[in-house]
């Protein structure tokens, strides 16, 4: 097998390896070309611009921070005050809830959680109104949330007349408009029976 000189200029030994004669020579060249990143022990606060000294970690390196201690406490206090001053979810409009919550799924989950809590506190059937499955049920909206205007309150969206209990399978079929005619009749009959029972009770 042909040999050639080690690519390390300080070495010059003959080797059969593709580049270097040893790991030591390879490390010298590669470390000089791509030096290891040096851990930073300080940074700049994004809020006030003062120098922050990072806390040293036990495993080595430093734990970076975006804000100094003063700005961090001020930001946390502002977030806490905003949460305490926010409206109860039932009194908030859809637009206000979207503004309070960050991201689509955050405000959607808030509405879903409120609808389920309201349904569980009611005397409505706690099983799928189509197949009767009662091990677990989803609380879904007869009128889709996306069809409401931003000025509508969550209380109007989560009114009991708009809530029905369905198993996971029928919930998915209902959302995709894939319910069979028979299942659609069962659903309508269950809703009609519930409304008539409420009128009699009233």
N, C-alpha and C. Protein backbone atom coordinates (compact mmCIF):
# COMPACT_ATOMS: atom_id res chain seq x y z
N UNK A 1 0.85 -1.20 0.00
CA UNK A 1 0.00 0.00 0.00
C UNK A 1 0.88 1.25 0.00
N UNK A 2 0.57 2.22 -0.82
CA UNK A 2 1.37 3.42 -0.93
C UNK A 2 1.26 4.27 0.34
N UNK A 3 2.33 4.95 0.62
CA UNK A 3 2.36 5.85 1.78
C UNK A 3 2.51 7.30 1.29
N UNK A 4 2.18 8.22 2.18
CA UNK A 4 2.36 9.65 1.88
C UNK A 4 2.67 10.37 3.18
N UNK A 5 3.06 11.60 3.07
CA UNK A 5 3.43 12.36 4.25
C UNK A 5 2.18 12.81 5.01
N UNK A 6 2.29 12.81 6.34
CA UNK A 6 1.21 13.31 7.20
C UNK A 6 0.90 14.76 6.85
N UNK A 7 -0.39 15.10 6.83
CA UNK A 7 -0.80 16.45 6.45
C UNK A 7 -0.48 17.50 7.51
N UNK A 8 -0.04 17.06 8.67
CA UNK A 8 0.39 18.00 9.70
C UNK A 8 1.77 18.52 9.31
N UNK A 9 1.91 19.81 8.99
CA UNK A 9 3.21 20.33 8.51
C UNK A 9 4.32 20.21 9.54
N UNK A 10 3.97 20.12 10.83
CA UNK A 10 5.01 20.01 11.87
C UNK A 10 5.47 18.58 12.06
N UNK A 11 4.81 17.64 11.38
CA UNK A 11 5.14 16.23 11.58
C UNK A 11 5.95 15.68 10.39
N UNK A 12 5.35 15.51 9.26
CA UNK A 12 6.04 15.04 8.07
C UNK A 12 6.33 13.57 8.03
N UNK A 13 5.80 12.77 8.96
CA UNK A 13 6.04 11.33 8.96
C UNK A 13 5.29 10.67 7.81
N UNK A 14 5.83 9.56 7.35
CA UNK A 14 5.16 8.77 6.34
C UNK A 14 4.03 7.97 6.99
N UNK A 15 2.85 7.89 6.33
CA UNK A 15 1.70 7.16 6.88
C UNK A 15 0.89 6.53 5.76
N UNK A 16 0.19 5.45 6.10
CA UNK A 16 -0.72 4.80 5.17
C UNK A 16 -2.15 5.33 5.32
N UNK A 17 -2.40 6.10 6.38
CA UNK A 17 -3.74 6.65 6.60
C UNK A 17 -4.05 7.73 5.56
N UNK A 18 -5.34 8.00 5.32
CA UNK A 18 -5.70 8.99 4.26
C UNK A 18 -5.13 10.38 4.49
N UNK A 19 -5.06 10.83 5.77
CA UNK A 19 -4.64 12.22 6.01
C UNK A 19 -3.49 12.32 7.01
N UNK A 20 -3.74 11.83 8.24
CA UNK A 20 -2.78 12.05 9.31
C UNK A 20 -2.20 10.73 9.78
N UNK A 21 -1.02 10.84 10.40
CA UNK A 21 -0.36 9.63 10.88
C UNK A 21 -0.89 9.17 12.23
N UNK A 22 -1.49 10.07 12.98
CA UNK A 22 -2.00 9.72 14.31
C UNK A 22 -3.15 10.63 14.69
N UNK A 23 -3.86 10.25 15.76
CA UNK A 23 -4.94 11.08 16.26
C UNK A 23 -4.42 12.42 16.79
N UNK A 24 -3.21 12.39 17.31
CA UNK A 24 -2.63 13.62 17.85
C UNK A 24 -2.45 14.67 16.75
N UNK A 25 -1.95 14.23 15.60
CA UNK A 25 -1.77 15.16 14.48
C UNK A 25 -3.12 15.66 13.97
N UNK A 26 -4.09 14.75 13.89
CA UNK A 26 -5.43 15.14 13.44
C UNK A 26 -6.06 16.16 14.38
N UNK A 27 -5.87 15.96 15.70
CA UNK A 27 -6.45 16.88 16.69
C UNK A 27 -5.81 18.26 16.59
N UNK A 28 -4.51 18.32 16.38
CA UNK A 28 -3.84 19.62 16.29
C UNK A 28 -4.36 20.45 15.13
N UNK A 29 -4.55 19.81 13.97
CA UNK A 29 -5.01 20.53 12.79
C UNK A 29 -6.49 20.89 12.91
N UNK A 30 -7.31 19.91 13.32
CA UNK A 30 -8.76 20.14 13.38
C UNK A 30 -9.13 21.14 14.47
N UNK A 31 -8.46 21.11 15.60
CA UNK A 31 -8.77 22.06 16.68
C UNK A 31 -8.37 23.48 16.30
N UNK A 32 -7.32 23.60 15.50
CA UNK A 32 -6.92 24.93 15.05
C UNK A 32 -7.89 25.47 14.01
N UNK A 33 -8.43 24.58 13.17
CA UNK A 33 -9.37 25.01 12.13
C UNK A 33 -10.74 25.33 12.69
N UNK A 34 -11.22 24.49 13.62
CA UNK A 34 -12.55 24.68 14.22
C UNK A 34 -12.41 24.63 15.74
N UNK A 35 -12.01 25.72 16.36
CA UNK A 35 -11.82 25.71 17.83
C UNK A 35 -13.13 25.50 18.56
N UNK A 36 -13.04 24.89 19.74
CA UNK A 36 -14.22 24.65 20.56
C UNK A 36 -14.80 25.97 21.05
N UNK A 37 -16.13 25.99 21.17
CA UNK A 37 -16.81 27.20 21.62
C UNK A 37 -16.52 27.45 23.10
N UNK A 38 -16.13 28.63 23.41
CA UNK A 38 -15.86 28.99 24.80
C UNK A 38 -17.16 29.44 25.46
N UNK A 39 -17.45 28.84 26.61
CA UNK A 39 -18.69 29.18 27.32
C UNK A 39 -18.64 30.62 27.82
N UNK A 40 -19.70 31.37 27.56
CA UNK A 40 -19.75 32.76 28.00
C UNK A 40 -20.23 32.83 29.44
N UNK A 41 -19.56 33.66 30.23
CA UNK A 41 -19.91 33.80 31.65
C UNK A 41 -20.81 34.99 31.91
N UNK A 42 -21.08 35.81 30.87
CA UNK A 42 -21.94 36.98 31.06
C UNK A 42 -22.64 37.32 29.76
N UNK A 43 -23.64 38.19 29.87
CA UNK A 43 -24.41 38.61 28.71
C UNK A 43 -25.04 39.97 28.97
N UNK A 44 -25.99 40.35 28.12
CA UNK A 44 -26.65 41.65 28.20
C UNK A 44 -28.15 41.44 28.43
N UNK A 45 -28.73 42.14 29.40
CA UNK A 45 -30.17 42.08 29.65
C UNK A 45 -30.92 42.64 28.45
N UNK A 46 -31.89 41.91 27.95
CA UNK A 46 -32.67 42.35 26.79
C UNK A 46 -33.59 43.52 27.10
N UNK A 47 -33.84 43.76 28.39
CA UNK A 47 -34.77 44.82 28.78
C UNK A 47 -34.07 46.14 29.06
N UNK A 48 -33.04 46.10 29.92
CA UNK A 48 -32.40 47.35 30.34
C UNK A 48 -30.98 47.50 29.81
N UNK A 49 -30.40 46.43 29.29
CA UNK A 49 -29.09 46.53 28.67
C UNK A 49 -27.90 46.42 29.58
N UNK A 50 -28.10 46.13 30.88
CA UNK A 50 -26.95 46.01 31.77
C UNK A 50 -26.31 44.63 31.61
N UNK A 51 -25.09 44.47 32.13
CA UNK A 51 -24.37 43.21 32.03
C UNK A 51 -24.92 42.21 33.05
N UNK A 52 -25.16 40.98 32.60
CA UNK A 52 -25.64 39.91 33.47
C UNK A 52 -24.52 38.89 33.63
N UNK A 53 -24.24 38.49 34.85
CA UNK A 53 -23.27 37.44 35.11
C UNK A 53 -24.02 36.14 35.32
N UNK A 54 -23.76 35.17 34.43
CA UNK A 54 -24.49 33.91 34.46
C UNK A 54 -24.05 33.05 35.65
N UNK A 55 -24.99 32.20 36.07
CA UNK A 55 -24.71 31.27 37.16
C UNK A 55 -23.95 30.06 36.62
N UNK A 56 -22.89 29.68 37.30
CA UNK A 56 -22.10 28.54 36.85
C UNK A 56 -22.81 27.24 37.20
N UNK A 57 -22.80 26.31 36.24
CA UNK A 57 -23.46 25.02 36.43
C UNK A 57 -22.48 24.00 36.99
N UNK A 58 -23.01 23.02 37.72
CA UNK A 58 -22.17 21.99 38.32
C UNK A 58 -21.48 21.13 37.27
N UNK A 59 -22.18 20.87 36.16
CA UNK A 59 -21.62 20.01 35.12
C UNK A 59 -20.67 20.77 34.19
N UNK A 60 -20.44 22.02 34.49
CA UNK A 60 -19.56 22.84 33.65
C UNK A 60 -20.34 23.81 32.80
N UNK A 61 -19.74 24.91 32.43
CA UNK A 61 -20.42 25.91 31.63
C UNK A 61 -21.24 26.84 32.49
N UNK A 62 -22.09 27.64 31.80
CA UNK A 62 -22.89 28.64 32.50
C UNK A 62 -24.34 28.56 32.02
N UNK A 63 -25.25 28.99 32.89
CA UNK A 63 -26.67 28.99 32.58
C UNK A 63 -27.07 30.39 32.10
N UNK A 64 -27.30 30.55 30.78
CA UNK A 64 -27.59 31.90 30.25
C UNK A 64 -28.98 32.39 30.66
N UNK A 65 -29.13 33.70 30.76
CA UNK A 65 -30.41 34.32 31.07
C UNK A 65 -30.66 35.46 30.10
N UNK A 66 -31.94 35.75 29.86
CA UNK A 66 -32.32 36.84 28.96
C UNK A 66 -32.43 38.16 29.70
N UNK A 67 -32.81 38.12 30.99
CA UNK A 67 -33.06 39.35 31.74
C UNK A 67 -32.27 39.35 33.04
N UNK A 68 -31.98 40.54 33.53
CA UNK A 68 -31.38 40.66 34.84
C UNK A 68 -32.44 40.36 35.90
N UNK A 69 -32.00 40.26 37.15
CA UNK A 69 -32.93 39.88 38.23
C UNK A 69 -34.03 40.92 38.40
N UNK A 70 -33.69 42.20 38.33
CA UNK A 70 -34.68 43.26 38.52
C UNK A 70 -35.75 43.23 37.42
N UNK A 71 -35.31 43.13 36.17
CA UNK A 71 -36.26 43.10 35.06
C UNK A 71 -37.10 41.83 35.08
N UNK A 72 -36.48 40.72 35.45
CA UNK A 72 -37.22 39.46 35.52
C UNK A 72 -38.36 39.54 36.53
N UNK A 73 -38.08 40.09 37.71
CA UNK A 73 -39.12 40.21 38.74
C UNK A 73 -40.21 41.17 38.31
N UNK A 74 -39.83 42.25 37.60
CA UNK A 74 -40.81 43.22 37.13
C UNK A 74 -41.73 42.60 36.07
N UNK A 75 -41.16 41.84 35.16
CA UNK A 75 -41.95 41.19 34.11
C UNK A 75 -42.89 40.15 34.71
N UNK A 76 -42.39 39.38 35.68
CA UNK A 76 -43.24 38.37 36.32
C UNK A 76 -44.39 39.02 37.08
N UNK A 77 -44.13 40.15 37.73
CA UNK A 77 -45.20 40.86 38.45
C UNK A 77 -46.25 41.39 37.48
N UNK A 78 -45.82 41.88 36.31
CA UNK A 78 -46.77 42.38 35.32
C UNK A 78 -47.65 41.26 34.78
N UNK A 79 -47.05 40.09 34.53
CA UNK A 79 -47.84 38.94 34.04
C UNK A 79 -48.84 38.49 35.08
N UNK A 80 -48.41 38.44 36.35
CA UNK A 80 -49.31 38.03 37.44
C UNK A 80 -50.48 39.01 37.59
N UNK A 81 -50.19 40.31 37.53
CA UNK A 81 -51.24 41.32 37.64
C UNK A 81 -52.21 41.23 36.47
N UNK A 82 -51.69 40.96 35.29
CA UNK A 82 -52.56 40.84 34.11
C UNK A 82 -53.50 39.66 34.24
N UNK A 83 -53.00 38.56 34.81
CA UNK A 83 -53.86 37.38 35.00
C UNK A 83 -54.95 37.65 36.02
N UNK A 84 -54.60 38.36 37.10
CA UNK A 84 -55.60 38.64 38.14
C UNK A 84 -56.65 39.63 37.66
N UNK A 85 -56.26 40.54 36.78
CA UNK A 85 -57.19 41.56 36.30
C UNK A 85 -58.01 41.09 35.10
N UNK A 86 -57.71 39.91 34.57
CA UNK A 86 -58.43 39.42 33.40
C UNK A 86 -59.86 39.03 33.78
N UNK A 87 -60.75 39.11 32.83
CA UNK A 87 -62.14 38.77 33.05
C UNK A 87 -62.32 37.28 33.27
N UNK A 88 -63.36 36.85 34.02
CA UNK A 88 -63.70 35.43 34.05
C UNK A 88 -63.99 34.95 32.63
N UNK A 89 -63.65 33.72 32.36
CA UNK A 89 -63.74 33.24 30.98
C UNK A 89 -65.15 33.35 30.44
N UNK A 90 -66.17 33.16 31.27
CA UNK A 90 -67.55 33.22 30.78
C UNK A 90 -67.94 34.63 30.33
N UNK A 91 -67.37 35.65 30.98
CA UNK A 91 -67.72 37.03 30.66
C UNK A 91 -66.86 37.60 29.54
N UNK A 92 -65.77 36.93 29.21
CA UNK A 92 -64.88 37.43 28.16
C UNK A 92 -65.47 37.14 26.79
N UNK A 93 -65.20 38.03 25.85
CA UNK A 93 -65.60 37.78 24.47
C UNK A 93 -64.54 36.90 23.81
N UNK A 94 -64.88 36.38 22.65
CA UNK A 94 -63.93 35.54 21.92
C UNK A 94 -62.67 36.32 21.57
N UNK A 95 -62.85 37.61 21.22
CA UNK A 95 -61.69 38.44 20.89
C UNK A 95 -60.80 38.67 22.10
N UNK A 96 -61.40 38.91 23.27
CA UNK A 96 -60.62 39.12 24.48
C UNK A 96 -59.86 37.86 24.88
N UNK A 97 -60.50 36.71 24.73
CA UNK A 97 -59.85 35.45 25.07
C UNK A 97 -58.66 35.18 24.14
N UNK A 98 -58.83 35.47 22.87
CA UNK A 98 -57.72 35.30 21.91
C UNK A 98 -56.56 36.21 22.25
N UNK A 99 -56.88 37.40 22.78
CA UNK A 99 -55.83 38.36 23.13
C UNK A 99 -55.10 37.92 24.40
N UNK A 100 -55.85 37.34 25.35
CA UNK A 100 -55.25 36.90 26.61
C UNK A 100 -54.37 35.67 26.42
N UNK A 101 -54.84 34.73 25.60
CA UNK A 101 -54.13 33.47 25.42
C UNK A 101 -53.17 33.57 24.23
N UNK A 102 -52.06 32.89 24.35
CA UNK A 102 -51.07 32.91 23.29
C UNK A 102 -51.22 31.67 22.42
N UNK A 103 -51.60 31.88 21.19
CA UNK A 103 -51.71 30.76 20.27
C UNK A 103 -53.12 30.23 20.15
N UNK A 104 -53.37 29.59 19.01
CA UNK A 104 -54.70 29.08 18.67
C UNK A 104 -55.17 28.03 19.68
N UNK A 105 -54.31 27.03 19.95
CA UNK A 105 -54.74 25.93 20.81
C UNK A 105 -54.95 26.37 22.25
N UNK A 106 -54.28 27.42 22.68
CA UNK A 106 -54.43 27.87 24.06
C UNK A 106 -55.85 28.35 24.34
N UNK A 107 -56.39 29.22 23.47
CA UNK A 107 -57.76 29.71 23.73
C UNK A 107 -58.80 28.66 23.38
N UNK A 108 -58.50 27.78 22.42
CA UNK A 108 -59.45 26.69 22.11
C UNK A 108 -59.58 25.74 23.30
N UNK A 109 -58.47 25.39 23.92
CA UNK A 109 -58.50 24.49 25.08
C UNK A 109 -59.24 25.14 26.24
N UNK A 110 -59.09 26.45 26.41
CA UNK A 110 -59.80 27.14 27.49
C UNK A 110 -61.32 27.04 27.30
N UNK A 111 -61.78 27.20 26.08
CA UNK A 111 -63.21 27.09 25.80
C UNK A 111 -63.68 25.65 26.01
N UNK A 112 -62.90 24.69 25.55
CA UNK A 112 -63.27 23.28 25.70
C UNK A 112 -63.32 22.88 27.17
N UNK A 113 -62.35 23.34 27.95
CA UNK A 113 -62.33 23.01 29.38
C UNK A 113 -63.54 23.61 30.09
N UNK A 114 -63.87 24.85 29.76
CA UNK A 114 -65.03 25.48 30.39
C UNK A 114 -66.33 24.78 30.00
N UNK A 115 -66.45 24.36 28.73
CA UNK A 115 -67.67 23.67 28.30
C UNK A 115 -67.82 22.32 29.00
N UNK A 116 -66.72 21.60 29.18
CA UNK A 116 -66.79 20.30 29.86
C UNK A 116 -67.17 20.46 31.33
N UNK A 117 -66.57 21.45 32.00
CA UNK A 117 -66.89 21.68 33.41
C UNK A 117 -68.37 22.05 33.57
N UNK A 118 -68.86 22.88 32.67
CA UNK A 118 -70.27 23.28 32.74
C UNK A 118 -71.19 22.08 32.48
N UNK A 119 -70.82 21.24 31.52
CA UNK A 119 -71.65 20.07 31.20
C UNK A 119 -71.66 19.08 32.37
N UNK A 120 -70.50 18.86 32.99
CA UNK A 120 -70.41 17.91 34.10
C UNK A 120 -71.22 18.38 35.31
N UNK A 121 -71.35 19.69 35.49
CA UNK A 121 -72.13 20.22 36.61
C UNK A 121 -73.63 20.17 36.35
N UNK A 122 -74.02 19.95 35.12
CA UNK A 122 -75.45 19.93 34.77
C UNK A 122 -76.02 18.53 35.00
N UNK A 123 -77.34 18.41 34.78
CA UNK A 123 -78.01 17.12 34.91
C UNK A 123 -78.22 16.44 33.55
N UNK A 124 -77.46 16.85 32.56
CA UNK A 124 -77.58 16.27 31.22
C UNK A 124 -76.95 14.89 31.18
N UNK A 125 -77.37 14.03 30.22
CA UNK A 125 -76.87 12.65 30.15
C UNK A 125 -75.35 12.60 30.03
N UNK A 126 -74.73 11.73 30.83
CA UNK A 126 -73.27 11.59 30.84
C UNK A 126 -72.86 10.37 30.02
N UNK A 127 -73.32 10.32 28.79
CA UNK A 127 -72.95 9.24 27.87
C UNK A 127 -73.15 9.75 26.45
N UNK A 128 -72.63 9.00 25.50
CA UNK A 128 -72.79 9.39 24.09
C UNK A 128 -74.27 9.34 23.74
N UNK A 129 -74.80 10.43 23.22
CA UNK A 129 -76.23 10.50 22.93
C UNK A 129 -76.60 9.74 21.66
N UNK A 130 -75.62 9.12 20.99
CA UNK A 130 -75.92 8.32 19.80
C UNK A 130 -75.85 6.83 20.11
N UNK A 131 -74.72 6.40 20.69
CA UNK A 131 -74.53 4.96 20.94
C UNK A 131 -74.67 4.58 22.40
N UNK A 132 -74.70 5.55 23.31
CA UNK A 132 -74.87 5.25 24.73
C UNK A 132 -73.59 4.89 25.46
N UNK A 133 -72.45 4.94 24.81
CA UNK A 133 -71.18 4.60 25.46
C UNK A 133 -70.92 5.57 26.61
N UNK A 134 -70.61 5.02 27.82
CA UNK A 134 -70.49 5.89 29.00
C UNK A 134 -69.16 5.77 29.74
N UNK A 135 -68.21 5.03 29.18
CA UNK A 135 -66.90 4.94 29.83
C UNK A 135 -66.16 6.28 29.73
N UNK A 136 -66.32 6.92 28.63
CA UNK A 136 -65.74 8.24 28.41
C UNK A 136 -66.53 8.94 27.33
N UNK A 137 -66.68 10.24 27.46
CA UNK A 137 -67.38 11.01 26.42
C UNK A 137 -66.73 12.37 26.27
N UNK A 138 -66.82 12.90 25.07
CA UNK A 138 -66.37 14.26 24.78
C UNK A 138 -67.57 15.20 24.81
N UNK A 139 -67.34 16.40 25.27
CA UNK A 139 -68.36 17.45 25.20
C UNK A 139 -68.06 18.29 23.97
N UNK A 140 -68.96 18.26 23.01
CA UNK A 140 -68.71 19.00 21.77
C UNK A 140 -69.82 20.03 21.55
N UNK A 141 -69.53 20.96 20.68
CA UNK A 141 -70.46 22.05 20.39
C UNK A 141 -71.28 21.72 19.15
N UNK A 142 -72.59 21.87 19.27
CA UNK A 142 -73.46 21.64 18.11
C UNK A 142 -73.17 22.66 17.02
N UNK A 143 -72.98 23.91 17.43
CA UNK A 143 -72.57 24.96 16.49
C UNK A 143 -71.08 25.19 16.68
N UNK A 144 -70.32 25.05 15.62
CA UNK A 144 -68.86 25.11 15.71
C UNK A 144 -68.39 26.46 16.23
N UNK A 145 -67.31 26.42 17.04
CA UNK A 145 -66.77 27.65 17.63
C UNK A 145 -66.32 28.61 16.55
N UNK A 146 -65.80 28.09 15.46
CA UNK A 146 -65.26 28.94 14.40
C UNK A 146 -66.34 29.77 13.69
N UNK A 147 -67.60 29.41 13.88
CA UNK A 147 -68.68 30.14 13.21
C UNK A 147 -69.14 31.37 14.00
N UNK A 148 -68.65 31.53 15.23
CA UNK A 148 -69.06 32.66 16.06
C UNK A 148 -68.21 33.89 15.76
N UNK A 149 -68.84 35.05 15.91
CA UNK A 149 -68.12 36.31 15.73
C UNK A 149 -67.27 36.58 16.98
N UNK A 150 -66.25 37.43 16.83
CA UNK A 150 -65.35 37.73 17.94
C UNK A 150 -66.03 38.48 19.08
N UNK A 151 -67.19 39.11 18.80
CA UNK A 151 -67.87 39.89 19.83
C UNK A 151 -68.72 39.02 20.75
N UNK A 152 -68.89 37.74 20.41
CA UNK A 152 -69.74 36.84 21.21
C UNK A 152 -68.97 36.42 22.46
N UNK A 153 -69.68 36.35 23.60
CA UNK A 153 -69.05 35.93 24.85
C UNK A 153 -68.94 34.40 24.91
N UNK A 154 -68.03 33.94 25.75
CA UNK A 154 -67.85 32.49 25.92
C UNK A 154 -69.09 31.88 26.57
N UNK A 155 -69.82 32.68 27.37
CA UNK A 155 -71.05 32.19 27.98
C UNK A 155 -72.08 31.79 26.91
N UNK A 156 -72.15 32.59 25.83
CA UNK A 156 -73.08 32.27 24.74
C UNK A 156 -72.62 31.05 23.95
N UNK A 157 -71.30 30.90 23.78
CA UNK A 157 -70.79 29.74 23.04
C UNK A 157 -71.02 28.45 23.82
N UNK A 158 -70.79 28.51 25.13
CA UNK A 158 -70.88 27.31 25.97
C UNK A 158 -72.23 27.18 26.66
N UNK A 159 -73.27 27.74 26.07
CA UNK A 159 -74.61 27.54 26.62
C UNK A 159 -74.97 26.06 26.51
N UNK A 160 -75.71 25.54 27.49
CA UNK A 160 -75.97 24.10 27.54
C UNK A 160 -76.70 23.59 26.30
N UNK A 161 -77.54 24.43 25.71
CA UNK A 161 -78.25 24.00 24.50
C UNK A 161 -77.30 23.73 23.34
N UNK A 162 -76.10 24.28 23.43
CA UNK A 162 -75.12 24.09 22.35
C UNK A 162 -74.15 22.95 22.63
N UNK A 163 -74.31 22.28 23.77
CA UNK A 163 -73.37 21.23 24.17
C UNK A 163 -74.03 19.86 24.11
N UNK A 164 -73.30 18.90 23.56
CA UNK A 164 -73.78 17.52 23.51
C UNK A 164 -72.63 16.59 23.87
N UNK A 165 -72.99 15.43 24.39
CA UNK A 165 -71.99 14.42 24.76
C UNK A 165 -71.91 13.36 23.66
N UNK A 166 -70.69 13.12 23.18
CA UNK A 166 -70.47 12.12 22.16
C UNK A 166 -69.21 11.33 22.49
N UNK A 167 -69.19 10.06 22.09
CA UNK A 167 -67.97 9.27 22.22
C UNK A 167 -66.94 9.80 21.21
N UNK A 168 -65.71 9.33 21.33
CA UNK A 168 -64.65 9.84 20.47
C UNK A 168 -64.95 9.60 18.98
N UNK A 169 -65.46 8.42 18.67
CA UNK A 169 -65.72 8.09 17.27
C UNK A 169 -66.82 8.98 16.68
N UNK A 170 -67.94 9.08 17.41
CA UNK A 170 -69.04 9.90 16.89
C UNK A 170 -68.70 11.39 16.92
N UNK A 171 -67.84 11.79 17.85
CA UNK A 171 -67.39 13.18 17.87
C UNK A 171 -66.62 13.49 16.60
N UNK A 172 -65.72 12.59 16.21
CA UNK A 172 -64.94 12.80 15.00
C UNK A 172 -65.84 12.82 13.76
N UNK A 173 -66.81 11.89 13.71
CA UNK A 173 -67.73 11.85 12.57
C UNK A 173 -68.60 13.10 12.53
N UNK A 174 -69.00 13.59 13.70
CA UNK A 174 -69.82 14.80 13.77
C UNK A 174 -69.04 16.01 13.25
N UNK A 175 -67.78 16.15 13.68
CA UNK A 175 -66.96 17.28 13.23
C UNK A 175 -66.69 17.23 11.74
N UNK A 176 -66.57 16.02 11.18
CA UNK A 176 -66.28 15.87 9.76
C UNK A 176 -67.54 15.75 8.90
N UNK A 177 -68.71 15.90 9.54
CA UNK A 177 -70.00 15.76 8.84
C UNK A 177 -70.13 14.39 8.16
N UNK A 178 -69.71 13.34 8.89
CA UNK A 178 -69.75 11.98 8.34
C UNK A 178 -70.74 11.08 9.08
N UNK A 179 -71.60 11.67 9.91
CA UNK A 179 -72.59 10.86 10.60
C UNK A 179 -73.56 10.24 9.59
N UNK A 180 -73.90 8.98 9.83
CA UNK A 180 -74.87 8.32 8.97
C UNK A 180 -76.26 8.91 9.23
N UNK A 181 -77.19 8.75 8.30
CA UNK A 181 -78.56 9.26 8.53
C UNK A 181 -79.19 8.72 9.80
N UNK A 182 -78.93 7.43 10.11
CA UNK A 182 -79.48 6.85 11.34
C UNK A 182 -78.91 7.53 12.58
N UNK A 183 -77.59 7.75 12.59
CA UNK A 183 -76.96 8.40 13.74
C UNK A 183 -77.42 9.85 13.86
N UNK A 184 -77.63 10.51 12.74
CA UNK A 184 -78.11 11.89 12.76
C UNK A 184 -79.51 11.96 13.37
N UNK A 185 -80.36 10.98 13.04
CA UNK A 185 -81.69 10.93 13.63
C UNK A 185 -81.63 10.70 15.13
N UNK A 186 -80.73 9.82 15.57
CA UNK A 186 -80.56 9.56 17.01
C UNK A 186 -80.10 10.83 17.72
N UNK A 187 -79.20 11.54 17.11
CA UNK A 187 -78.70 12.78 17.71
C UNK A 187 -79.81 13.82 17.82
N UNK A 188 -80.57 14.00 16.76
CA UNK A 188 -81.66 14.98 16.78
C UNK A 188 -82.73 14.59 17.79
N UNK A 189 -83.01 13.30 17.88
CA UNK A 189 -84.02 12.82 18.83
C UNK A 189 -83.56 13.04 20.26
N UNK A 190 -82.28 12.82 20.51
CA UNK A 190 -81.76 13.02 21.86
C UNK A 190 -81.83 14.49 22.26
N UNK A 191 -81.49 15.38 21.33
CA UNK A 191 -81.55 16.81 21.61
C UNK A 191 -82.99 17.25 21.83
N UNK A 192 -83.91 16.75 21.00
CA UNK A 192 -85.33 17.11 21.14
C UNK A 192 -85.88 16.61 22.48
N UNK A 193 -85.52 15.40 22.87
CA UNK A 193 -85.98 14.86 24.15
C UNK A 193 -85.45 15.67 25.32
N UNK A 194 -84.22 16.09 25.20
CA UNK A 194 -83.63 16.90 26.27
C UNK A 194 -84.34 18.23 26.41
N UNK A 195 -84.66 18.86 25.28
CA UNK A 195 -85.37 20.13 25.32
C UNK A 195 -86.77 19.99 25.85
N UNK A 196 -87.47 18.90 25.47
CA UNK A 196 -88.83 18.70 25.98
C UNK A 196 -88.84 18.41 27.47
N UNK A 197 -87.84 17.67 27.94
CA UNK A 197 -87.72 17.39 29.38
C UNK A 197 -87.49 18.66 30.17
N UNK A 198 -86.68 19.55 29.61
CA UNK A 198 -86.41 20.81 30.28
C UNK A 198 -87.66 21.68 30.35
N UNK A 199 -88.47 21.68 29.27
CA UNK A 199 -89.70 22.46 29.26
C UNK A 199 -90.69 21.93 30.28
N UNK A 200 -90.78 20.59 30.40
CA UNK A 200 -91.71 19.99 31.36
C UNK A 200 -91.28 20.32 32.78
N UNK A 201 -89.96 20.23 33.01
CA UNK A 201 -89.42 20.54 34.34
C UNK A 201 -89.65 21.99 34.71
N UNK A 202 -89.48 22.86 33.70
CA UNK A 202 -89.69 24.30 33.96
C UNK A 202 -91.14 24.58 34.24
